[in-house]
C-alpha atoms as a PDB file:
ATOM      1  CA  UNK A   1     115.600  95.330 101.283  1.00  0.00           C
ATOM      2  CA  UNK A   2     112.003  96.106 102.956  1.00  0.00           C
ATOM      3  CA  UNK A   3     111.293  94.806 106.086  1.00  0.00           C
ATOM      4  CA  UNK A   4     107.486  94.092 106.867  1.00  0.00           C
ATOM      5  CA  UNK A   5     105.807  92.097 109.648  1.00  0.00           C
ATOM      6  CA  UNK A   6     103.668  89.443 108.719  1.00  0.00           C
ATOM      7  CA  UNK A   7     100.759  88.872 111.296  1.00  0.00           C
ATOM      8  CA  UNK A   8      99.693  85.410 111.620  1.00  0.00           C
ATOM      9  CA  UNK A   9      96.871  84.166 113.898  1.00  0.00           C
ATOM     10  CA  UNK A  10      98.075  81.185 116.168  1.00  0.00           C
ATOM     11  CA  UNK A  11      95.505  78.212 116.690  1.00  0.00           C
ATOM     12  CA  UNK A  12      96.132  77.511 120.398  1.00  0.00           C
ATOM     13  CA  UNK A  13      94.696  75.089 122.217  1.00  0.00           C
ATOM     14  CA  UNK A  14      93.041  75.300 125.739  1.00  0.00           C
ATOM     15  CA  UNK A  15      95.843  73.449 127.685  1.00  0.00           C
ATOM     16  CA  UNK A  16      98.818  75.760 125.955  1.00  0.00           C
ATOM     17  CA  UNK A  17      96.763  78.975 127.084  1.00  0.00           C
ATOM     18  CA  UNK A  18      98.233  78.735 130.584  1.00  0.00           C
ATOM     19  CA  UNK A  19     101.815  78.278 129.486  1.00  0.00           C
ATOM     20  CA  UNK A  20     102.040  81.163 127.093  1.00  0.00           C
ATOM     21  CA  UNK A  21     100.209  83.556 129.278  1.00  0.00           C
ATOM     22  CA  UNK A  22     102.593  82.437 132.160  1.00  0.00           C
ATOM     23  CA  UNK A  23     105.704  83.454 129.623  1.00  0.00           C
ATOM     24  CA  UNK A  24     103.905  86.878 129.061  1.00  0.00           C
ATOM     25  CA  UNK A  25     103.448  87.530 132.572  1.00  0.00           C
ATOM     26  CA  UNK A  26     107.435  86.285 133.397  1.00  0.00           C
ATOM     27  CA  UNK A  27     108.411  88.654 130.449  1.00  0.00           C
ATOM     28  CA  UNK A  28     106.786  91.626 131.527  1.00  0.00           C
ATOM     29  CA  UNK A  29     107.894  90.939 135.314  1.00  0.00           C
ATOM     30  CA  UNK A  30     111.616  90.475 133.963  1.00  0.00           C
ATOM     31  CA  UNK A  31     111.439  93.809 131.928  1.00  0.00           C
ATOM     32  CA  UNK A  32     110.236  95.771 134.960  1.00  0.00           C
ATOM     33  CA  UNK A  33     112.979  94.195 136.788  1.00  0.00           C
ATOM     34  CA  UNK A  34     115.376  95.401 134.361  1.00  0.00           C
ATOM     35  CA  UNK A  35     113.675  98.673 134.038  1.00  0.00           C
ATOM     36  CA  UNK A  36     114.025  99.401 137.769  1.00  0.00           C
ATOM     37  CA  UNK A  37     118.071  98.681 137.565  1.00  0.00           C
ATOM     38  CA  UNK A  38     118.540 101.034 134.386  1.00  0.00           C
ATOM     39  CA  UNK A  39     116.815 103.718 136.199  1.00  0.00           C
ATOM     40  CA  UNK A  40     118.219 103.500 139.448  1.00  0.00           C
ATOM     41  CA  UNK A  41     121.693 103.048 137.931  1.00  0.00           C
ATOM     42  CA  UNK A  42     121.068 105.195 135.092  1.00  0.00           C
ATOM     43  CA  UNK A  43     122.295 102.424 132.775  1.00  0.00           C
ATOM     44  CA  UNK A  44     120.760 102.187 129.377  1.00  0.00           C
ATOM     45  CA  UNK A  45     123.946 100.507 127.603  1.00  0.00           C
ATOM     46  CA  UNK A  46     122.562  96.912 126.209  1.00  0.00           C
ATOM     47  CA  UNK A  47     126.007  95.364 126.890  1.00  0.00           C
ATOM     48  CA  UNK A  48     126.432  97.075 130.703  1.00  0.00           C
ATOM     49  CA  UNK A  49     123.324  96.630 131.500  1.00  0.00           C
ATOM     50  CA  UNK A  50     123.283  92.793 130.424  1.00  0.00           C
ATOM     51  CA  UNK A  51     126.120  92.427 133.256  1.00  0.00           C
ATOM     52  CA  UNK A  52     123.774  94.042 135.663  1.00  0.00           C
ATOM     53  CA  UNK A  53     120.581  91.993 135.601  1.00  0.00           C
ATOM     54  CA  UNK A  54     121.298  89.277 133.190  1.00  0.00           C
ATOM     55  CA  UNK A  55     121.735  86.495 136.397  1.00  0.00           C
ATOM     56  CA  UNK A  56     119.554  87.872 138.967  1.00  0.00           C
ATOM     57  CA  UNK A  57     116.420  88.130 136.513  1.00  0.00           C
ATOM     58  CA  UNK A  58     117.069  84.715 134.925  1.00  0.00           C
ATOM     59  CA  UNK A  59     116.916  83.094 138.247  1.00  0.00           C
ATOM     60  CA  UNK A  60     113.993  85.101 139.426  1.00  0.00           C
ATOM     61  CA  UNK A  61     111.919  84.654 136.622  1.00  0.00           C
ATOM     62  CA  UNK A  62     112.867  81.398 135.183  1.00  0.00           C
ATOM     63  CA  UNK A  63     112.899  82.411 131.586  1.00  0.00           C
ATOM     64  CA  UNK A  64     114.903  81.191 129.304  1.00  0.00           C
ATOM     65  CA  UNK A  65     118.381  82.804 128.382  1.00  0.00           C
ATOM     66  CA  UNK A  66     117.371  84.073 125.210  1.00  0.00           C
ATOM     67  CA  UNK A  67     113.957  85.437 126.857  1.00  0.00           C
ATOM     68  CA  UNK A  68     115.943  87.852 128.994  1.00  0.00           C
ATOM     69  CA  UNK A  69     118.294  88.850 126.529  1.00  0.00           C
ATOM     70  CA  UNK A  70     115.308  90.120 124.421  1.00  0.00           C
ATOM     71  CA  UNK A  71     113.540  91.568 127.617  1.00  0.00           C
ATOM     72  CA  UNK A  72     117.072  93.780 128.126  1.00  0.00           C
ATOM     73  CA  UNK A  73     116.911  95.037 124.364  1.00  0.00           C
ATOM     74  CA  UNK A  74     112.984  95.532 124.901  1.00  0.00           C
ATOM     75  CA  UNK A  75     113.827  97.895 127.958  1.00  0.00           C
ATOM     76  CA  UNK A  76     116.687  99.799 126.304  1.00  0.00           C
ATOM     77  CA  UNK A  77     114.955 100.364 123.370  1.00  0.00           C
ATOM     78  CA  UNK A  78     111.736 101.667 125.057  1.00  0.00           C
ATOM     79  CA  UNK A  79     114.180 104.389 126.868  1.00  0.00           C
ATOM     80  CA  UNK A  80     114.837 105.710 123.084  1.00  0.00           C
ATOM     81  CA  UNK A  81     111.280 105.647 122.123  1.00  0.00           C
ATOM     82  CA  UNK A  82     109.339 109.003 122.071  1.00  0.00           C
ATOM     83  CA  UNK A  83     106.616 107.119 124.129  1.00  0.00           C
ATOM     84  CA  UNK A  84     108.165 105.746 126.989  1.00  0.00           C
ATOM     85  CA  UNK A  85     106.245 102.799 129.128  1.00  0.00           C
ATOM     86  CA  UNK A  86     106.744 102.894 132.468  1.00  0.00           C
ATOM     87  CA  UNK A  87     105.299  99.495 133.470  1.00  0.00           C
ATOM     88  CA  UNK A  88     105.271  96.692 131.196  1.00  0.00           C
ATOM     89  CA  UNK A  89     102.269  94.175 130.716  1.00  0.00           C
ATOM     90  CA  UNK A  90     101.892  90.739 130.207  1.00  0.00           C
ATOM     91  CA  UNK A  91     100.785  91.056 126.300  1.00  0.00           C
ATOM     92  CA  UNK A  92     103.436  90.495 124.154  1.00  0.00           C
ATOM     93  CA  UNK A  93     107.385  89.106 124.050  1.00  0.00           C
ATOM     94  CA  UNK A  94     110.286  89.725 121.697  1.00  0.00           C
ATOM     95  CA  UNK A  95     111.395  86.839 119.862  1.00  0.00           C
ATOM     96  CA  UNK A  96     114.989  86.134 117.953  1.00  0.00           C
ATOM     97  CA  UNK A  97     115.767  83.363 115.583  1.00  0.00           C
ATOM     98  CA  UNK A  98     116.829  81.351 118.615  1.00  0.00           C
ATOM     99  CA  UNK A  99     113.400  81.461 120.105  1.00  0.00           C
ATOM    100  CA  UNK A 100     111.191  80.605 116.947  1.00  0.00           C
ATOM    101  CA  UNK A 101     111.144  78.849 113.946  1.00  0.00           C
ATOM    102  CA  UNK A 102     108.491  78.924 110.951  1.00  0.00           C
ATOM    103  CA  UNK A 103     107.435  76.067 108.953  1.00  0.00           C
ATOM    104  CA  UNK A 104     105.074  76.040 106.444  1.00  0.00           C
ATOM    105  CA  UNK A 105     101.582  76.291 108.105  1.00  0.00           C
ATOM    106  CA  UNK A 106     103.289  76.009 111.560  1.00  0.00           C
ATOM    107  CA  UNK A 107     105.442  77.810 113.899  1.00  0.00           C
ATOM    108  CA  UNK A 108     107.830  76.687 116.938  1.00  0.00           C
ATOM    109  CA  UNK A 109     107.809  79.078 120.152  1.00  0.00           C
ATOM    110  CA  UNK A 110     109.841  78.626 122.787  1.00  0.00           C
ATOM    111  CA  UNK A 111     107.902  79.190 126.025  1.00  0.00           C
ATOM    112  CA  UNK A 112     108.991  78.949 129.547  1.00  0.00           C
ATOM    113  CA  UNK A 113     108.665  75.161 129.761  1.00  0.00           C
ATOM    114  CA  UNK A 114     110.205  74.502 126.492  1.00  0.00           C
ATOM    115  CA  UNK A 115     109.710  74.263 122.627  1.00  0.00           C
ATOM    116  CA  UNK A 116     105.855  74.382 121.429  1.00  0.00           C
ATOM    117  CA  UNK A 117     104.483  73.894 117.670  1.00  0.00           C
ATOM    118  CA  UNK A 118     101.176  76.220 116.938  1.00  0.00           C
ATOM    119  CA  UNK A 119      99.322  76.182 113.680  1.00  0.00           C
ATOM    120  CA  UNK A 120      99.257  79.246 111.740  1.00  0.00           C
ATOM    121  CA  UNK A 121      95.754  80.582 110.650  1.00  0.00           C
ATOM    122  CA  UNK A 122      96.634  82.115 107.697  1.00  0.00           C
ATOM    123  CA  UNK A 123      95.730  83.069 104.061  1.00  0.00           C
ATOM    124  CA  UNK A 124      97.192  83.038 100.680  1.00  0.00           C
ATOM    125  CA  UNK A 125      98.628  86.783 101.130  1.00  0.00           C
ATOM    126  CA  UNK A 126     100.485  85.529 104.505  1.00  0.00           C
ATOM    127  CA  UNK A 127     101.874  82.419 102.513  1.00  0.00           C
ATOM    128  CA  UNK A 128     103.471  84.371  99.951  1.00  0.00           C
ATOM    129  CA  UNK A 129     105.300  86.398 102.125  1.00  0.00           C
ATOM    130  CA  UNK A 130     106.506  83.542 104.443  1.00  0.00           C
ATOM    131  CA  UNK A 131     107.664  81.587 101.084  1.00  0.00           C
ATOM    132  CA  UNK A 132     111.199  81.257 101.097  1.00  0.00           C
ATOM    133  CA  UNK A 133     112.269  83.103 103.789  1.00  0.00           C
ATOM    134  CA  UNK A 134     114.249  82.453 106.877  1.00  0.00           C
ATOM    135  CA  UNK A 135     112.796  85.313 109.514  1.00  0.00           C
ATOM    136  CA  UNK A 136     115.101  86.243 112.730  1.00  0.00           C
ATOM    137  CA  UNK A 137     112.389  88.501 114.571  1.00  0.00           C
ATOM    138  CA  UNK A 138     109.200  87.816 115.652  1.00  0.00           C
ATOM    139  CA  UNK A 139     106.946  89.294 118.508  1.00  0.00           C
ATOM    140  CA  UNK A 140     104.106  87.309 120.103  1.00  0.00           C
ATOM    141  CA  UNK A 141     100.953  89.069 121.039  1.00  0.00           C
ATOM    142  CA  UNK A 142      97.902  88.483 123.340  1.00  0.00           C
ATOM    143  CA  UNK A 143      95.044  90.631 122.184  1.00  0.00           C
ATOM    144  CA  UNK A 144      92.624  91.886 124.893  1.00  0.00           C
ATOM    145  CA  UNK A 145      90.093  89.232 123.187  1.00  0.00           C
ATOM    146  CA  UNK A 146      92.287  86.437 124.138  1.00  0.00           C
ATOM    147  CA  UNK A 147      93.442  85.621 120.694  1.00  0.00           C
ATOM    148  CA  UNK A 148      97.062  84.750 120.121  1.00  0.00           C
ATOM    149  CA  UNK A 149      99.002  86.417 117.117  1.00  0.00           C
ATOM    150  CA  UNK A 150     102.662  86.776 116.004  1.00  0.00           C
ATOM    151  CA  UNK A 151     104.138  89.121 113.872  1.00  0.00           C
ATOM    152  CA  UNK A 152     106.941  87.863 111.883  1.00  0.00           C
ATOM    153  CA  UNK A 153     109.471  90.173 110.379  1.00  0.00           C
ATOM    154  CA  UNK A 154     110.293  89.126 106.680  1.00  0.00           C
ATOM    155  CA  UNK A 155     112.427  90.874 104.237  1.00  0.00           C
ATOM    156  CA  UNK A 156     110.780  91.899 101.148  1.00  0.00           C
ATOM    157  CA  UNK A 157     113.469  92.707  97.822  1.00  0.00           C
ATOM    158  CA  UNK A 158     112.756  96.174  96.536  1.00  0.00           C
ATOM    159  CA  UNK A 159     113.085  97.144  92.999  1.00  0.00           C
ATOM    160  CA  UNK A 160     115.630 100.295  92.273  1.00  0.00           C
ATOM    161  CA  UNK A 161     113.254 103.316  91.269  1.00  0.00           C
ATOM    162  CA  UNK A 162     113.626 103.843  87.961  1.00  0.00           C
ATOM    163  CA  UNK A 163     114.675 107.286  86.294  1.00  0.00           C
ATOM    164  CA  UNK A 164     111.373 108.922  84.720  1.00  0.00           C
ATOM    165  CA  UNK A 165     110.342 111.921  83.703  1.00  0.00           C
ATOM    166  CA  UNK A 166     106.838 111.840  84.795  1.00  0.00           C
ATOM    167  CA  UNK A 167     105.732 112.972  88.392  1.00  0.00           C
ATOM    168  CA  UNK A 168     102.283 112.842  89.954  1.00  0.00           C
ATOM    169  CA  UNK A 169     101.984 115.839  92.733  1.00  0.00           C
ATOM    170  CA  UNK A 170      99.723 114.574  95.810  1.00  0.00           C
ATOM    171  CA  UNK A 171      98.292 117.118  97.893  1.00  0.00           C
ATOM    172  CA  UNK A 172      97.364 116.172 101.481  1.00  0.00           C
ATOM    173  CA  UNK A 173      94.555 117.485 103.317  1.00  0.00           C
ATOM    174  CA  UNK A 174      91.735 116.802 105.911  1.00  0.00           C
ATOM    175  CA  UNK A 175      88.688 117.465 103.666  1.00  0.00           C
ATOM    176  CA  UNK A 176      90.319 115.250 100.861  1.00  0.00           C
ATOM    177  CA  UNK A 177      92.719 113.092 102.077  1.00  0.00           C
ATOM    178  CA  UNK A 178      94.754 112.976  99.309  1.00  0.00           C
ATOM    179  CA  UNK A 179      94.410 114.640  95.673  1.00  0.00           C
ATOM    180  CA  UNK A 180      96.587 113.994  92.998  1.00  0.00           C
ATOM    181  CA  UNK A 181      97.661 116.166  90.176  1.00  0.00           C
ATOM    182  CA  UNK A 182      96.028 113.839  87.670  1.00  0.00           C
ATOM    183  CA  UNK A 183      92.686 114.794  89.831  1.00  0.00           C
ATOM    184  CA  UNK A 184      91.838 111.890  91.570  1.00  0.00           C
ATOM    185  CA  UNK A 185      90.756 112.409  95.206  1.00  0.00           C
ATOM    186  CA  UNK A 186      90.039 110.564  98.076  1.00  0.00           C
ATOM    187  CA  UNK A 187      87.442 112.053 100.579  1.00  0.00           C
ATOM    188  CA  UNK A 188      88.096 112.414 103.916  1.00  0.00           C
ATOM    189  CA  UNK A 189      84.445 113.482 104.938  1.00  0.00           C
ATOM    190  CA  UNK A 190      83.487 109.998 106.229  1.00  0.00           C
ATOM    191  CA  UNK A 191      86.482 109.704 108.656  1.00  0.00           C
ATOM    192  CA  UNK A 192      86.010 113.056 110.002  1.00  0.00           C
ATOM    193  CA  UNK A 193      82.291 112.527 110.728  1.00  0.00           C
ATOM    194  CA  UNK A 194      83.582 109.381 112.394  1.00  0.00           C
ATOM    195  CA  UNK A 195      86.070 111.297 114.465  1.00  0.00           C
ATOM    196  CA  UNK A 196      83.650 113.845 115.668  1.00  0.00           C
ATOM    197  CA  UNK A 197      81.305 111.024 116.420  1.00  0.00           C
ATOM    198  CA  UNK A 198      83.474 109.158 118.569  1.00  0.00           C
ATOM    199  CA  UNK A 199      84.916 112.390 120.097  1.00  0.00           C
ATOM    200  CA  UNK A 200      81.657 113.267 121.240  1.00  0.00           C
ATOM    201  CA  UNK A 201      80.831 109.857 122.506  1.00  0.00           C
ATOM    202  CA  UNK A 202      84.293 109.978 124.304  1.00  0.00           C
ATOM    203  CA  UNK A 203      83.381 113.374 126.081  1.00  0.00           C
ATOM    204  CA  UNK A 204      80.165 111.721 127.492  1.00  0.00           C
ATOM    205  CA  UNK A 205      81.723 108.733 128.699  1.00  0.00           C
ATOM    206  CA  UNK A 206      84.676 110.400 130.298  1.00  0.00           C
ATOM    207  CA  UNK A 207      82.624 112.494 132.649  1.00  0.00           C
ATOM    208  CA  UNK A 208      81.530 109.054 134.288  1.00  0.00           C
ATOM    209  CA  UNK A 209      84.651 108.359 135.208  1.00  0.00           C
ATOM    210  CA  UNK A 210      83.835 104.487 135.836  1.00  0.00           C
ATOM    211  CA  UNK A 211      86.126 101.364 135.215  1.00  0.00           C
ATOM    212  CA  UNK A 212      83.696 100.524 132.513  1.00  0.00           C
ATOM    213  CA  UNK A 213      83.737 103.625 130.850  1.00  0.00           C
ATOM    214  CA  UNK A 214      87.552 103.506 130.993  1.00  0.00           C
ATOM    215  CA  UNK A 215      87.219  99.825 128.973  1.00  0.00           C
ATOM    216  CA  UNK A 216      84.588 101.512 126.296  1.00  0.00           C
ATOM    217  CA  UNK A 217      87.279 104.368 125.806  1.00  0.00           C
ATOM    218  CA  UNK A 218      89.840 102.133 124.931  1.00  0.00           C
ATOM    219  CA  UNK A 219      87.428 100.274 122.550  1.00  0.00           C
ATOM    220  CA  UNK A 220      86.536 103.535 120.710  1.00  0.00           C
ATOM    221  CA  UNK A 221      89.803 104.334 120.617  1.00  0.00           C
ATOM    222  CA  UNK A 222      90.944 101.093 119.158  1.00  0.00           C
ATOM    223  CA  UNK A 223      88.243 101.364 116.251  1.00  0.00           C
ATOM    224  CA  UNK A 224      89.039 104.595 115.406  1.00  0.00           C
ATOM    225  CA  UNK A 225      92.668 103.865 114.705  1.00  0.00           C
ATOM    226  CA  UNK A 226      91.799 100.747 112.966  1.00  0.00           C
ATOM    227  CA  UNK A 227      89.775 102.312 110.498  1.00  0.00           C
ATOM    228  CA  UNK A 228      91.942 105.233 109.586  1.00  0.00           C
ATOM    229  CA  UNK A 229      94.699 102.584 109.363  1.00  0.00           C
ATOM    230  CA  UNK A 230      92.489 100.646 106.943  1.00  0.00           C
ATOM    231  CA  UNK A 231      91.842 103.841 104.896  1.00  0.00           C
ATOM    232  CA  UNK A 232      95.212 104.956 104.628  1.00  0.00           C
ATOM    233  CA  UNK A 233      96.702 101.523 103.372  1.00  0.00           C
ATOM    234  CA  UNK A 234      93.749 101.132 100.485  1.00  0.00           C
ATOM    235  CA  UNK A 235      94.832 105.192  99.589  1.00  0.00           C
ATOM    236  CA  UNK A 236      98.597 104.113  99.835  1.00  0.00           C
ATOM    237  CA  UNK A 237      98.347 101.119  97.553  1.00  0.00           C
ATOM    238  CA  UNK A 238      96.121 103.041  94.856  1.00  0.00           C
ATOM    239  CA  UNK A 239      98.613 106.067  94.904  1.00  0.00           C
ATOM    240  CA  UNK A 240     101.501 103.616  94.512  1.00  0.00           C
ATOM    241  CA  UNK A 241      99.725 101.519  92.172  1.00  0.00           C
ATOM    242  CA  UNK A 242      98.938 104.463  89.554  1.00  0.00           C
ATOM    243  CA  UNK A 243     102.720 105.832  89.754  1.00  0.00           C
ATOM    244  CA  UNK A 244     103.958 102.139  89.005  1.00  0.00           C
ATOM    245  CA  UNK A 245     101.631 102.116  86.168  1.00  0.00           C
ATOM    246  CA  UNK A 246     102.133 105.259  84.752  1.00  0.00           C
ATOM    247  CA  UNK A 247     105.861 104.840  85.226  1.00  0.00           C
ATOM    248  CA  UNK A 248     105.721 108.307  87.606  1.00  0.00           C
ATOM    249  CA  UNK A 249     107.516 109.371  90.724  1.00  0.00           C
ATOM    250  CA  UNK A 250     105.097 110.275  93.598  1.00  0.00           C
ATOM    251  CA  UNK A 251     105.862 114.181  94.854  1.00  0.00           C
ATOM    252  CA  UNK A 252     104.418 115.224  98.043  1.00  0.00           C
ATOM    253  CA  UNK A 253     104.963 118.547 100.587  1.00  0.00           C
ATOM    254  CA  UNK A 254     106.935 117.823 103.352  1.00  0.00           C
ATOM    255  CA  UNK A 255     104.715 118.547 106.255  1.00  0.00           C
ATOM    256  CA  UNK A 256     106.960 118.173 109.063  1.00  0.00           C
ATOM    257  CA  UNK A 257     105.802 120.748 112.311  1.00  0.00           C
ATOM    258  CA  UNK A 258     102.346 121.489 110.086  1.00  0.00           C
ATOM    259  CA  UNK A 259     100.363 120.676 113.565  1.00  0.00           C
ATOM    260  CA  UNK A 260     102.700 123.115 115.443  1.00  0.00           C
ATOM    261  CA  UNK A 261     102.279 125.915 112.673  1.00  0.00           C
ATOM    262  CA  UNK A 262      98.411 125.304 112.666  1.00  0.00           C
ATOM    263  CA  UNK A 263      98.091 125.523 116.047  1.00  0.00           C
ATOM    264  CA  UNK A 264      99.803 128.596 116.585  1.00  0.00           C
ATOM    265  CA  UNK A 265      96.684 130.238 114.871  1.00  0.00           C
ATOM    266  CA  UNK A 266      93.446 131.013 117.000  1.00  0.00           C
ATOM    267  CA  UNK A 267      91.741 128.345 116.434  1.00  0.00           C
ATOM    268  CA  UNK A 268      88.623 126.344 117.949  1.00  0.00           C
ATOM    269  CA  UNK A 269      89.024 123.294 120.417  1.00  0.00           C
ATOM    270  CA  UNK A 270      87.317 121.372 117.395  1.00  0.00           C
ATOM    271  CA  UNK A 271      89.449 122.318 115.084  1.00  0.00           C
ATOM    272  CA  UNK A 272      92.490 121.756 117.178  1.00  0.00           C
ATOM    273  CA  UNK A 273      91.583 118.174 117.643  1.00  0.00           C
ATOM    274  CA  UNK A 274      90.690 117.809 114.001  1.00  0.00           C
ATOM    275  CA  UNK A 275      94.473 118.953 113.227  1.00  0.00           C
ATOM    276  CA  UNK A 276      95.733 116.657 115.975  1.00  0.00           C
ATOM    277  CA  UNK A 277      93.769 113.715 114.502  1.00  0.00           C
ATOM    278  CA  UNK A 278      95.071 114.316 110.927  1.00  0.00           C
ATOM    279  CA  UNK A 279      96.912 111.051 110.184  1.00  0.00           C
ATOM    280  CA  UNK A 280      99.027 112.347 107.331  1.00  0.00           C
ATOM    281  CA  UNK A 281     102.364 110.680 108.454  1.00  0.00           C
ATOM    282  CA  UNK A 282     100.900 107.337 109.002  1.00  0.00           C
ATOM    283  CA  UNK A 283      99.656 107.845 105.215  1.00  0.00           C
ATOM    284  CA  UNK A 284     103.201 108.962 104.262  1.00  0.00           C
ATOM    285  CA  UNK A 285     104.989 106.225 105.693  1.00  0.00           C
ATOM    286  CA  UNK A 286     102.631 103.530 104.429  1.00  0.00           C
ATOM    287  CA  UNK A 287     103.265 105.260 100.720  1.00  0.00           C
ATOM    288  CA  UNK A 288     106.993 104.638 101.528  1.00  0.00           C
ATOM    289  CA  UNK A 289     107.076 101.440 101.971  1.00  0.00           C
ATOM    290  CA  UNK A 290     104.854 100.473  99.538  1.00  0.00           C
ATOM    291  CA  UNK A 291     106.791 102.556  96.696  1.00  0.00           C
ATOM    292  CA  UNK A 292     109.920 100.861  98.271  1.00  0.00           C
ATOM    293  CA  UNK A 293     108.494  97.283  97.078  1.00  0.00           C
ATOM    294  CA  UNK A 294     107.164  98.621  93.835  1.00  0.00           C
ATOM    295  CA  UNK A 295     110.235 100.514  92.503  1.00  0.00           C
ATOM    296  CA  UNK A 296     108.430 103.894  92.940  1.00  0.00           C
ATOM    297  CA  UNK A 297     110.538 107.047  93.600  1.00  0.00           C
ATOM    298  CA  UNK A 298     109.203 109.109  96.581  1.00  0.00           C
ATOM    299  CA  UNK A 299     109.948 112.759  96.570  1.00  0.00           C
ATOM    300  CA  UNK A 300     109.191 115.556  98.938  1.00  0.00           C
ATOM    301  CA  UNK A 301     109.150 119.503  98.423  1.00  0.00           C
ATOM    302  CA  UNK A 302     108.742 122.319 100.448  1.00  0.00           C
ATOM    303  CA  UNK A 303     104.734 123.221 101.181  1.00  0.00           C
ATOM    304  CA  UNK A 304     105.369 127.141 100.944  1.00  0.00           C
ATOM    305  CA  UNK A 305     102.791 128.585  98.386  1.00  0.00           C
ATOM    306  CA  UNK A 306     101.555 125.370  96.843  1.00  0.00           C
ATOM    307  CA  UNK A 307      98.042 126.296  97.846  1.00  0.00           C
ATOM    308  CA  UNK A 308      98.293 129.933  97.053  1.00  0.00           C
ATOM    309  CA  UNK A 309     100.008 130.138  93.316  1.00  0.00           C
ATOM    310  CA  UNK A 310      98.300 129.721  90.500  1.00  0.00           C
ATOM    311  CA  UNK A 311      99.191 126.584  88.396  1.00  0.00           C
ATOM    312  CA  UNK A 312      98.822 128.108  85.261  1.00  0.00           C
ATOM    313  CA  UNK A 313     100.586 131.714  85.688  1.00  0.00           C
ATOM    314  CA  UNK A 314     102.317 131.126  89.236  1.00  0.00           C
ATOM    315  CA  UNK A 315     100.845 134.618  90.262  1.00  0.00           C
ATOM    316  CA  UNK A 316     100.215 134.975  94.472  1.00  0.00           C
ATOM    317  CA  UNK A 317      97.863 137.118  95.854  1.00  0.00           C
ATOM    318  CA  UNK A 318      99.496 140.443  96.227  1.00  0.00           C
ATOM    319  CA  UNK A 319      97.954 141.277  99.816  1.00  0.00           C
ATOM    320  CA  UNK A 320      99.787 138.993 102.573  1.00  0.00           C
ATOM    321  CA  UNK A 321      97.277 136.886 104.568  1.00  0.00           C
ATOM    322  CA  UNK A 322      94.868 136.918 101.457  1.00  0.00           C
ATOM    323  CA  UNK A 323      94.585 134.154  98.954  1.00  0.00           C
ATOM    324  CA  UNK A 324      92.891 133.403  95.483  1.00  0.00           C
ATOM    325  CA  UNK A 325      91.593 130.131  97.012  1.00  0.00           C
ATOM    326  CA  UNK A 326      88.080 129.992  98.481  1.00  0.00           C
ATOM    327  CA  UNK A 327      87.244 126.515 100.075  1.00  0.00           C
ATOM    328  CA  UNK A 328      87.437 124.061  97.717  1.00  0.00           C
ATOM    329  CA  UNK A 329      87.637 126.474  94.673  1.00  0.00           C
ATOM    330  CA  UNK A 330      90.783 128.346  93.450  1.00  0.00           C
ATOM    331  CA  UNK A 331      90.102 131.406  90.882  1.00  0.00           C
ATOM    332  CA  UNK A 332      93.429 133.238  89.871  1.00  0.00           C
ATOM    333  CA  UNK A 333      92.786 137.190  90.028  1.00  0.00           C
ATOM    334  CA  UNK A 334      95.528 137.512  87.382  1.00  0.00           C
ATOM    335  CA  UNK A 335      94.939 135.158  84.533  1.00  0.00           C
ATOM    336  CA  UNK A 336      91.185 134.301  85.652  1.00  0.00           C
ATOM    337  CA  UNK A 337      92.288 130.792  86.068  1.00  0.00           C
ATOM    338  CA  UNK A 338      89.860 128.601  87.840  1.00  0.00           C
ATOM    339  CA  UNK A 339      89.740 125.165  89.410  1.00  0.00           C
ATOM    340  CA  UNK A 340      89.651 122.788  92.316  1.00  0.00           C
ATOM    341  CA  UNK A 341      92.118 124.417  95.025  1.00  0.00           C
ATOM    342  CA  UNK A 342      93.168 120.618  95.675  1.00  0.00           C
ATOM    343  CA  UNK A 343      93.952 119.645  92.461  1.00  0.00           C
ATOM    344  CA  UNK A 344      95.670 123.394  91.763  1.00  0.00           C
ATOM    345  CA  UNK A 345      97.895 122.600  94.425  1.00  0.00           C
ATOM    346  CA  UNK A 346      98.849 119.098  93.706  1.00  0.00           C
ATOM    347  CA  UNK A 347      99.559 120.548  90.245  1.00  0.00           C
ATOM    348  CA  UNK A 348     102.006 123.239  92.124  1.00  0.00           C
ATOM    349  CA  UNK A 349     103.739 120.019  93.955  1.00  0.00           C
ATOM    350  CA  UNK A 350     104.240 118.311  90.690  1.00  0.00           C
END
């Protein structure tokens, strides 16, 4: 089974906004109280922390019992996260099966004052994912614009990948985001130009150090991340669709720690920024979950020499540090084979 998060917008009447906001504020307050106790006592075990904080937090916030339990789980989960939250803000609340329920086009959510029903503003895509589901986890979110969304976790059945002799190699890069051994590629020029433009704007705005400039920086970051996410979703969908149609497995380089190894070399500030912004791992995650649903096998191979070896004869430049690759072109000095460098690498990966 593959767990997906279905994002649904809520239709919230003006008179209900206050109760949702109050619930979010109390939930954030509960999380901060629990975090303080956990930090002081150095207690991160969920059960033991529950005994320490449950009654005082429930009494001080007025939250329902399960709200407090979810706050404890969020704090413990945050302690295990790579990027930890040091102060929780009133922007979201975790929900379990006792705190929400989904009907056809509506959702019931338990707030601080009791159960409330909200209409879901969704399309056929969300309806299809929610049909026949009995979800047990969700997150209620409030955006900076003041809109309310509920992200509902659903389990989608996956197809076991069948045996296939066919593979499609995928070379990942910055100039071309992805290039396949079937000679299909997705250019990264537009996203790189967008990132460079935002980096220049950020540099100018950061020097002002005003409250409005910080808000603008936050908006810019959101736009850039949304565009990158949209692009990776589209590329991953096409990759998985092609593999499914051709009854083939997808093979990628394992690029773990690639940023560290690249940044160890002498590089300009711009190149370091571009490398650090390279969203190859997000694309990999999108491909993996889409492939699991479609029944497409995803494999990973070591990246060593995939860009340097000739796909026709397997020869590698005999001088260490040199390569037959020159930008986008690859010309083998041994057999004379000449091709697009990324396609050559993708064929080696396959």
